[in-house]
Amino acid sequence: MNDVEKVARMDQLVSHLWMVRTFLKHSEEAEEDDELAEVHRELYDFMLALGGPSSENDHTAYLKVARKKLKRLKAARDLFLEIQPEISTHTNFRMTAMSLDTTVNAMIDVLAK
C-alpha cells in the first residue's frame, strides 16, 4: 500500500471515528462524565490534527501526524472500552465501543505498513 492509498484508507476510517465522536459528544452521559467527555475530545483532536495535511494533500505529513497522534487515540479507545460498561450497557454504547475498537485497530494496521 503506497502513501496515497494509506491516506485514502485512513480517511475512510476517520469517517467512522467522526460518527463515534458525534454519538459520544451528543450523548447525555457525556454531559455528566468527565472521562467520557475526554474521550470525544481526544477523538476530535486526532481528526483535527489531520485536517491541515489533508487539505494540503500532503500524504507524508498526514501519515506522520497520524502516527504521532496514534498513542493518544489508542489511550482514548482504551479508556472508553474500560468505562463504557459503567456508563451504559445500552446497545448504542456497546456498538460504539465495538466500532471505536475496530476503527482504531484498522488504523494501527494501516499505519504499521
N, C-alpha and C. Protein backbone atom coordinates (compact mmCIF):
# COMPACT_ATOMS: atom_id res chain seq x y z
N MET A 1 0.86 -1.18 0.00
CA MET A 1 0.00 0.00 0.00
C MET A 1 0.90 1.24 0.00
N ASN A 2 0.72 2.11 -0.99
CA ASN A 2 1.52 3.34 -1.03
C ASN A 2 0.86 4.43 -0.15
N ASP A 3 1.55 5.56 -0.03
CA ASP A 3 1.06 6.62 0.87
C ASP A 3 -0.31 7.15 0.46
N VAL A 4 -0.56 7.27 -0.83
CA VAL A 4 -1.86 7.77 -1.30
C VAL A 4 -2.97 6.80 -0.86
N GLU A 5 -2.71 5.52 -1.01
CA GLU A 5 -3.69 4.51 -0.62
C GLU A 5 -3.88 4.48 0.90
N LYS A 6 -2.80 4.66 1.63
CA LYS A 6 -2.88 4.69 3.10
C LYS A 6 -3.75 5.86 3.56
N VAL A 7 -3.52 7.03 2.98
CA VAL A 7 -4.30 8.22 3.36
C VAL A 7 -5.76 8.02 2.99
N ALA A 8 -6.03 7.46 1.84
CA ALA A 8 -7.42 7.21 1.43
C ALA A 8 -8.09 6.27 2.41
N ARG A 9 -7.39 5.23 2.83
CA ARG A 9 -7.96 4.28 3.80
C ARG A 9 -8.14 4.95 5.15
N MET A 10 -7.17 5.74 5.57
CA MET A 10 -7.29 6.45 6.84
C MET A 10 -8.48 7.40 6.81
N ASP A 11 -8.69 8.09 5.70
CA ASP A 11 -9.85 8.99 5.60
C ASP A 11 -11.16 8.22 5.75
N GLN A 12 -11.23 7.02 5.18
CA GLN A 12 -12.42 6.19 5.37
C GLN A 12 -12.61 5.88 6.85
N LEU A 13 -11.53 5.53 7.51
CA LEU A 13 -11.61 5.18 8.93
C LEU A 13 -11.92 6.41 9.78
N VAL A 14 -11.41 7.56 9.39
CA VAL A 14 -11.72 8.79 10.12
C VAL A 14 -13.22 9.07 10.07
N SER A 15 -13.87 8.71 8.96
CA SER A 15 -15.32 8.94 8.89
C SER A 15 -16.05 8.12 9.95
N HIS A 16 -15.56 6.93 10.25
CA HIS A 16 -16.15 6.11 11.32
C HIS A 16 -15.84 6.73 12.68
N LEU A 17 -14.61 7.20 12.83
CA LEU A 17 -14.22 7.87 14.07
C LEU A 17 -15.10 9.10 14.32
N TRP A 18 -15.41 9.82 13.25
CA TRP A 18 -16.26 11.00 13.36
C TRP A 18 -17.65 10.63 13.90
N MET A 19 -18.19 9.54 13.42
CA MET A 19 -19.53 9.13 13.87
C MET A 19 -19.50 8.69 15.33
N VAL A 20 -18.46 8.01 15.75
CA VAL A 20 -18.31 7.62 17.15
C VAL A 20 -18.23 8.87 18.01
N ARG A 21 -17.39 9.78 17.60
CA ARG A 21 -17.22 11.03 18.35
C ARG A 21 -18.52 11.81 18.45
N THR A 22 -19.25 11.88 17.35
CA THR A 22 -20.52 12.62 17.34
C THR A 22 -21.52 11.98 18.30
N PHE A 23 -21.62 10.66 18.27
CA PHE A 23 -22.54 9.98 19.19
C PHE A 23 -22.15 10.28 20.63
N LEU A 24 -20.88 10.14 20.95
CA LEU A 24 -20.44 10.35 22.33
C LEU A 24 -20.63 11.80 22.76
N LYS A 25 -20.27 12.72 21.90
CA LYS A 25 -20.37 14.14 22.25
C LYS A 25 -21.80 14.56 22.55
N HIS A 26 -22.74 14.03 21.81
CA HIS A 26 -24.12 14.46 21.96
C HIS A 26 -24.94 13.58 22.91
N SER A 27 -24.28 12.63 23.53
CA SER A 27 -24.99 11.79 24.49
C SER A 27 -25.16 12.55 25.81
N GLU A 28 -26.26 12.29 26.47
CA GLU A 28 -26.48 12.92 27.78
C GLU A 28 -25.39 12.52 28.76
N GLU A 29 -24.90 11.30 28.62
CA GLU A 29 -23.88 10.79 29.53
C GLU A 29 -22.60 11.61 29.47
N ALA A 30 -22.27 12.16 28.30
CA ALA A 30 -21.04 12.95 28.15
C ALA A 30 -21.12 14.24 28.95
N GLU A 31 -22.34 14.73 29.16
CA GLU A 31 -22.50 15.95 29.94
C GLU A 31 -22.22 15.69 31.42
N GLU A 32 -22.35 14.43 31.82
CA GLU A 32 -22.24 14.08 33.23
C GLU A 32 -20.94 13.37 33.58
N ASP A 33 -20.17 12.95 32.59
CA ASP A 33 -18.99 12.14 32.85
C ASP A 33 -17.76 12.77 32.21
N ASP A 34 -16.84 13.21 33.04
CA ASP A 34 -15.64 13.89 32.55
C ASP A 34 -14.76 12.97 31.71
N GLU A 35 -14.66 11.70 32.08
CA GLU A 35 -13.83 10.78 31.31
C GLU A 35 -14.41 10.55 29.92
N LEU A 36 -15.72 10.43 29.83
CA LEU A 36 -16.35 10.25 28.52
C LEU A 36 -16.16 11.50 27.66
N ALA A 37 -16.27 12.67 28.28
CA ALA A 37 -16.03 13.91 27.54
C ALA A 37 -14.58 13.96 27.05
N GLU A 38 -13.66 13.46 27.86
CA GLU A 38 -12.25 13.41 27.44
C GLU A 38 -12.08 12.52 26.21
N VAL A 39 -12.80 11.41 26.16
CA VAL A 39 -12.70 10.50 25.01
C VAL A 39 -13.10 11.23 23.73
N HIS A 40 -14.27 11.87 23.73
CA HIS A 40 -14.69 12.51 22.48
C HIS A 40 -13.80 13.69 22.12
N ARG A 41 -13.21 14.35 23.10
CA ARG A 41 -12.26 15.43 22.81
C ARG A 41 -10.97 14.89 22.18
N GLU A 42 -10.50 13.76 22.66
CA GLU A 42 -9.29 13.15 22.10
C GLU A 42 -9.54 12.68 20.66
N LEU A 43 -10.71 12.13 20.41
CA LEU A 43 -11.04 11.72 19.04
C LEU A 43 -11.03 12.94 18.13
N TYR A 44 -11.63 14.03 18.59
CA TYR A 44 -11.66 15.25 17.80
C TYR A 44 -10.24 15.78 17.57
N ASP A 45 -9.41 15.75 18.60
CA ASP A 45 -8.03 16.23 18.47
C ASP A 45 -7.28 15.45 17.40
N PHE A 46 -7.48 14.14 17.36
CA PHE A 46 -6.83 13.31 16.35
C PHE A 46 -7.27 13.75 14.96
N MET A 47 -8.57 13.90 14.77
CA MET A 47 -9.09 14.27 13.45
C MET A 47 -8.69 15.68 13.07
N LEU A 48 -8.72 16.60 14.01
CA LEU A 48 -8.34 17.98 13.74
C LEU A 48 -6.88 18.08 13.30
N ALA A 49 -6.02 17.29 13.92
CA ALA A 49 -4.60 17.31 13.57
C ALA A 49 -4.36 16.87 12.13
N LEU A 50 -5.24 16.02 11.60
CA LEU A 50 -5.09 15.55 10.23
C LEU A 50 -5.62 16.55 9.20
N GLY A 51 -6.37 17.53 9.65
CA GLY A 51 -7.02 18.47 8.74
C GLY A 51 -6.08 19.25 7.85
N GLY A 52 -5.03 19.80 8.44
CA GLY A 52 -4.07 20.59 7.65
C GLY A 52 -3.40 19.78 6.55
N PRO A 53 -2.74 18.68 6.93
CA PRO A 53 -2.10 17.85 5.89
C PRO A 53 -3.10 17.32 4.86
N SER A 54 -4.31 17.04 5.29
CA SER A 54 -5.32 16.54 4.36
C SER A 54 -5.70 17.60 3.34
N SER A 55 -5.95 18.82 3.81
CA SER A 55 -6.35 19.88 2.89
C SER A 55 -5.23 20.28 1.94
N GLU A 56 -3.99 20.05 2.35
CA GLU A 56 -2.83 20.36 1.50
C GLU A 56 -2.40 19.17 0.65
N ASN A 57 -3.13 18.06 0.75
CA ASN A 57 -2.77 16.82 0.04
C ASN A 57 -1.32 16.41 0.31
N ASP A 58 -0.88 16.63 1.54
CA ASP A 58 0.47 16.26 1.94
C ASP A 58 0.41 14.90 2.63
N HIS A 59 0.54 13.86 1.84
CA HIS A 59 0.37 12.50 2.35
C HIS A 59 1.44 12.13 3.38
N THR A 60 2.64 12.59 3.15
CA THR A 60 3.73 12.29 4.09
C THR A 60 3.45 12.91 5.45
N ALA A 61 3.05 14.19 5.45
CA ALA A 61 2.75 14.87 6.71
C ALA A 61 1.53 14.25 7.38
N TYR A 62 0.53 13.89 6.60
CA TYR A 62 -0.70 13.27 7.13
C TYR A 62 -0.34 12.01 7.91
N LEU A 63 0.44 11.14 7.29
CA LEU A 63 0.79 9.88 7.93
C LEU A 63 1.70 10.10 9.14
N LYS A 64 2.59 11.10 9.05
CA LYS A 64 3.45 11.42 10.19
C LYS A 64 2.63 11.89 11.38
N VAL A 65 1.68 12.78 11.13
CA VAL A 65 0.82 13.28 12.20
C VAL A 65 -0.04 12.16 12.77
N ALA A 66 -0.59 11.33 11.91
CA ALA A 66 -1.43 10.22 12.37
C ALA A 66 -0.63 9.28 13.27
N ARG A 67 0.59 8.98 12.87
CA ARG A 67 1.43 8.09 13.70
C ARG A 67 1.77 8.76 15.03
N LYS A 68 2.03 10.06 14.99
CA LYS A 68 2.36 10.79 16.21
C LYS A 68 1.17 10.81 17.18
N LYS A 69 -0.03 10.96 16.66
CA LYS A 69 -1.24 11.07 17.49
C LYS A 69 -1.83 9.70 17.85
N LEU A 70 -1.32 8.65 17.26
CA LEU A 70 -1.91 7.32 17.44
C LEU A 70 -1.89 6.87 18.90
N LYS A 71 -0.83 7.18 19.62
CA LYS A 71 -0.73 6.76 21.02
C LYS A 71 -1.89 7.34 21.84
N ARG A 72 -2.20 8.60 21.64
CA ARG A 72 -3.31 9.23 22.38
C ARG A 72 -4.65 8.69 21.93
N LEU A 73 -4.77 8.37 20.64
CA LEU A 73 -6.01 7.78 20.13
C LEU A 73 -6.23 6.41 20.76
N LYS A 74 -5.17 5.61 20.84
CA LYS A 74 -5.29 4.30 21.46
C LYS A 74 -5.65 4.43 22.94
N ALA A 75 -5.08 5.41 23.61
CA ALA A 75 -5.39 5.63 25.03
C ALA A 75 -6.86 6.02 25.20
N ALA A 76 -7.38 6.85 24.31
CA ALA A 76 -8.80 7.24 24.37
C ALA A 76 -9.68 6.02 24.13
N ARG A 77 -9.30 5.20 23.16
CA ARG A 77 -10.04 3.97 22.89
C ARG A 77 -10.05 3.07 24.12
N ASP A 78 -8.88 2.88 24.71
CA ASP A 78 -8.75 2.01 25.87
C ASP A 78 -9.58 2.53 27.04
N LEU A 79 -9.55 3.84 27.24
CA LEU A 79 -10.35 4.44 28.31
C LEU A 79 -11.83 4.19 28.06
N PHE A 80 -12.28 4.41 26.84
CA PHE A 80 -13.70 4.20 26.55
C PHE A 80 -14.09 2.74 26.75
N LEU A 81 -13.25 1.82 26.30
CA LEU A 81 -13.57 0.40 26.48
C LEU A 81 -13.65 0.04 27.96
N GLU A 82 -12.85 0.70 28.76
CA GLU A 82 -12.86 0.46 30.21
C GLU A 82 -14.11 1.03 30.88
N ILE A 83 -14.47 2.25 30.53
CA ILE A 83 -15.57 2.93 31.24
C ILE A 83 -16.94 2.68 30.64
N GLN A 84 -17.00 2.21 29.42
CA GLN A 84 -18.29 2.04 28.73
C GLN A 84 -19.29 1.22 29.54
N PRO A 85 -18.92 0.07 30.10
CA PRO A 85 -19.93 -0.69 30.85
C PRO A 85 -20.48 0.06 32.07
N GLU A 86 -19.65 0.93 32.65
CA GLU A 86 -20.10 1.71 33.80
C GLU A 86 -21.03 2.85 33.36
N ILE A 87 -20.81 3.36 32.17
CA ILE A 87 -21.59 4.49 31.67
C ILE A 87 -22.95 4.02 31.22
N SER A 88 -22.95 2.98 30.38
CA SER A 88 -24.21 2.44 29.87
C SER A 88 -23.95 1.10 29.20
N THR A 89 -24.88 0.19 29.42
CA THR A 89 -24.81 -1.11 28.74
C THR A 89 -25.80 -1.15 27.58
N HIS A 90 -26.39 -0.02 27.26
CA HIS A 90 -27.32 0.06 26.14
C HIS A 90 -26.60 -0.35 24.86
N THR A 91 -27.33 -0.94 23.95
CA THR A 91 -26.76 -1.40 22.69
C THR A 91 -26.00 -0.29 21.96
N ASN A 92 -26.50 0.93 21.98
CA ASN A 92 -25.80 2.03 21.30
C ASN A 92 -24.38 2.20 21.83
N PHE A 93 -24.21 2.11 23.13
CA PHE A 93 -22.88 2.28 23.71
C PHE A 93 -22.01 1.05 23.45
N ARG A 94 -22.58 -0.13 23.51
CA ARG A 94 -21.80 -1.33 23.22
C ARG A 94 -21.33 -1.34 21.76
N MET A 95 -22.21 -0.94 20.85
CA MET A 95 -21.82 -0.90 19.43
C MET A 95 -20.82 0.22 19.16
N THR A 96 -20.93 1.31 19.88
CA THR A 96 -19.97 2.41 19.75
C THR A 96 -18.58 1.95 20.21
N ALA A 97 -18.54 1.20 21.30
CA ALA A 97 -17.26 0.66 21.78
C ALA A 97 -16.67 -0.28 20.74
N MET A 98 -17.50 -1.13 20.16
CA MET A 98 -17.01 -2.06 19.14
C MET A 98 -16.52 -1.31 17.90
N SER A 99 -17.26 -0.30 17.51
CA SER A 99 -16.89 0.48 16.34
C SER A 99 -15.58 1.22 16.57
N LEU A 100 -15.43 1.83 17.73
CA LEU A 100 -14.19 2.55 18.04
C LEU A 100 -13.01 1.59 18.07
N ASP A 101 -13.17 0.45 18.70
CA ASP A 101 -12.10 -0.53 18.76
C ASP A 101 -11.71 -1.03 17.37
N THR A 102 -12.70 -1.34 16.56
CA THR A 102 -12.45 -1.82 15.21
C THR A 102 -11.74 -0.76 14.37
N THR A 103 -12.19 0.47 14.48
CA THR A 103 -11.60 1.56 13.71
C THR A 103 -10.16 1.82 14.11
N VAL A 104 -9.91 1.89 15.40
CA VAL A 104 -8.53 2.15 15.86
C VAL A 104 -7.62 0.99 15.47
N ASN A 105 -8.08 -0.23 15.59
CA ASN A 105 -7.26 -1.38 15.18
C ASN A 105 -6.95 -1.33 13.69
N ALA A 106 -7.92 -0.94 12.89
CA ALA A 106 -7.69 -0.82 11.44
C ALA A 106 -6.68 0.29 11.15
N MET A 107 -6.77 1.39 11.89
CA MET A 107 -5.80 2.49 11.72
C MET A 107 -4.39 2.02 12.09
N ILE A 108 -4.29 1.27 13.15
CA ILE A 108 -2.99 0.72 13.56
C ILE A 108 -2.40 -0.11 12.44
N ASP A 109 -3.23 -0.94 11.82
CA ASP A 109 -2.78 -1.78 10.71
C ASP A 109 -2.29 -0.94 9.54
N VAL A 110 -3.05 0.08 9.18
CA VAL A 110 -2.66 0.93 8.04
C VAL A 110 -1.35 1.64 8.33
N LEU A 111 -1.21 2.18 9.54
CA LEU A 111 -0.04 2.96 9.85
C LEU A 111 1.21 2.11 10.10
N ALA A 112 1.02 0.82 10.33
CA ALA A 112 2.16 -0.08 10.56
C ALA A 112 2.81 -0.52 9.25
N LYS A 113 2.11 -0.33 8.14
CA LYS A 113 2.60 -0.81 6.85
C LYS A 113 3.60 0.17 6.24
